[in-house]
Structure formats: C-alpha cells, structure tokens
Amino acid sequence: MAKLKIRIYPDGTIKAETIGVKGKECTKYIPIIEQLTNAVTDDSEFTKDFYNNEQDLVNEDVQEVKL
C-alpha cells in the first residue's frame, strides 16, 4: 500500500516521500503532492527503492510453491 509522507517546514520548504512504492512508479505521485501542497517541485532526491529495477520487483512478488 502506497503512502505519502509530507513535511512542511517553518521556512516554507516542503519535503515529501513515497512509502511502499518502488522503482520509477514513485514519480507518478509528484503531481499529486504538488496539488496537495499547492507547490511546484524544484528538486528531487531518490531513495534506493527508486533504483530497484523491474527484475527486483518481480522477484519480490514471487512466492515459493511446493508441489
């Protein structure tokens, strides 16, 4: 389940983070965050989850089945 963590600092700086989202999928949340905060993104930093490739995501969803 995806979650958004948004922090608004006294100087007006806004920092947002997606939680539970891997790969480039997180960038789809940028417009949502901008709309919620009435702000425009001027810089992005990505966590290690952003750099997970498709193969890593597929492997995480695979469950071992014993016959």
C-alpha atoms as a PDB file:
ATOM      1  CA  MET A   1       0.000   0.000   0.000  1.00  0.00           C
ATOM      2  CA  ALA A   2       1.447   3.343  -1.045  1.00  0.00           C
ATOM      3  CA  LYS A   3       1.694   6.181   1.460  1.00  0.00           C
ATOM      4  CA  LEU A   4       2.828   9.776   1.197  1.00  0.00           C
ATOM      5  CA  LYS A   5       4.854  11.464   3.924  1.00  0.00           C
ATOM      6  CA  ILE A   6       4.781  15.252   3.600  1.00  0.00           C
ATOM      7  CA  ARG A   7       6.689  17.645   5.862  1.00  0.00           C
ATOM      8  CA  ILE A   8       6.214  21.400   5.736  1.00  0.00           C
ATOM      9  CA  TYR A   9       8.952  23.372   7.495  1.00  0.00           C
ATOM     10  CA  PRO A  10       8.603  26.831   9.105  1.00  0.00           C
ATOM     11  CA  ASP A  11      10.576  28.423   6.246  1.00  0.00           C
ATOM     12  CA  GLY A  12       8.028  27.084   3.735  1.00  0.00           C
ATOM     13  CA  THR A  13      10.200  24.228   2.468  1.00  0.00           C
ATOM     14  CA  ILE A  14       8.180  21.119   1.682  1.00  0.00           C
ATOM     15  CA  LYS A  15       9.685  17.635   1.641  1.00  0.00           C
ATOM     16  CA  ALA A  16       7.662  14.649   0.529  1.00  0.00           C
ATOM     17  CA  GLU A  17       8.411  10.952   0.389  1.00  0.00           C
ATOM     18  CA  THR A  18       6.567   7.981  -1.035  1.00  0.00           C
ATOM     19  CA  ILE A  19       6.497   4.874   1.117  1.00  0.00           C
ATOM     20  CA  GLY A  20       5.726   1.437  -0.261  1.00  0.00           C
ATOM     21  CA  VAL A  21       6.427   2.442  -3.866  1.00  0.00           C
ATOM     22  CA  LYS A  22       9.373   1.011  -5.783  1.00  0.00           C
ATOM     23  CA  GLY A  23      11.094   1.958  -8.994  1.00  0.00           C
ATOM     24  CA  LYS A  24      10.103   4.907 -11.132  1.00  0.00           C
ATOM     25  CA  GLU A  25       6.454   4.435 -10.120  1.00  0.00           C
ATOM     26  CA  CYS A  26       7.055   6.984  -7.338  1.00  0.00           C
ATOM     27  CA  THR A  27       7.380   9.809  -9.864  1.00  0.00           C
ATOM     28  CA  LYS A  28       3.674   9.439 -10.656  1.00  0.00           C
ATOM     29  CA  TYR A  29       2.974  10.877  -7.195  1.00  0.00           C
ATOM     30  CA  ILE A  30       4.771  14.183  -7.871  1.00  0.00           C
ATOM     31  CA  PRO A  31       1.690  15.865  -9.413  1.00  0.00           C
ATOM     32  CA  ILE A  32      -0.459  14.646  -6.510  1.00  0.00           C
ATOM     33  CA  ILE A  33       1.975  16.089  -3.958  1.00  0.00           C
ATOM     34  CA  GLU A  34       2.152  19.358  -5.883  1.00  0.00           C
ATOM     35  CA  GLN A  35      -1.631  19.604  -5.917  1.00  0.00           C
ATOM     36  CA  LEU A  36      -1.958  18.773  -2.206  1.00  0.00           C
ATOM     37  CA  THR A  37       0.643  21.353  -1.212  1.00  0.00           C
ATOM     38  CA  ASN A  38      -0.117  23.964  -3.882  1.00  0.00           C
ATOM     39  CA  ALA A  39       3.603  23.925  -4.728  1.00  0.00           C
ATOM     40  CA  VAL A  40       5.905  23.153  -7.650  1.00  0.00           C
ATOM     41  CA  THR A  41       8.751  20.655  -7.417  1.00  0.00           C
ATOM     42  CA  ASP A  42      12.163  22.212  -7.976  1.00  0.00           C
ATOM     43  CA  ASP A  43      14.361  19.300  -6.914  1.00  0.00           C
ATOM     44  CA  SER A  44      14.010  15.561  -6.357  1.00  0.00           C
ATOM     45  CA  GLU A  45      16.151  13.110  -4.442  1.00  0.00           C
ATOM     46  CA  PHE A  46      15.538   9.412  -4.802  1.00  0.00           C
ATOM     47  CA  THR A  47      15.891   6.608  -2.280  1.00  0.00           C
ATOM     48  CA  LYS A  48      17.336   3.188  -3.023  1.00  0.00           C
ATOM     49  CA  ASP A  49      13.790   1.958  -3.764  1.00  0.00           C
ATOM     50  CA  PHE A  50      13.731   4.230  -6.824  1.00  0.00           C
ATOM     51  CA  TYR A  51      16.731   2.415  -8.283  1.00  0.00           C
ATOM     52  CA  ASN A  52      15.200  -1.065  -7.968  1.00  0.00           C
ATOM     53  CA  ASN A  53      14.827  -2.456 -11.448  1.00  0.00           C
ATOM     54  CA  GLU A  54      11.854  -4.390 -12.814  1.00  0.00           C
ATOM     55  CA  GLN A  55      13.551  -7.727 -12.120  1.00  0.00           C
ATOM     56  CA  ASP A  56      13.949  -6.880  -8.436  1.00  0.00           C
ATOM     57  CA  LEU A  57      10.256  -6.015  -8.246  1.00  0.00           C
ATOM     58  CA  VAL A  58       9.230  -9.259  -9.918  1.00  0.00           C
ATOM     59  CA  ASN A  59      11.413 -11.309  -7.584  1.00  0.00           C
ATOM     60  CA  GLU A  60       9.865  -9.715  -4.514  1.00  0.00           C
ATOM     61  CA  ASP A  61       6.382 -10.711  -5.665  1.00  0.00           C
ATOM     62  CA  VAL A  62       7.272 -14.347  -6.347  1.00  0.00           C
ATOM     63  CA  GLN A  63       6.189 -16.852  -3.751  1.00  0.00           C
ATOM     64  CA  GLU A  64       7.685 -20.295  -3.491  1.00  0.00           C
ATOM     65  CA  VAL A  65       5.189 -23.073  -4.108  1.00  0.00           C
ATOM     66  CA  LYS A  66       5.963 -26.648  -3.128  1.00  0.00           C
ATOM     67  CA  LEU A  67       4.184 -29.383  -5.023  1.00  0.00           C
END
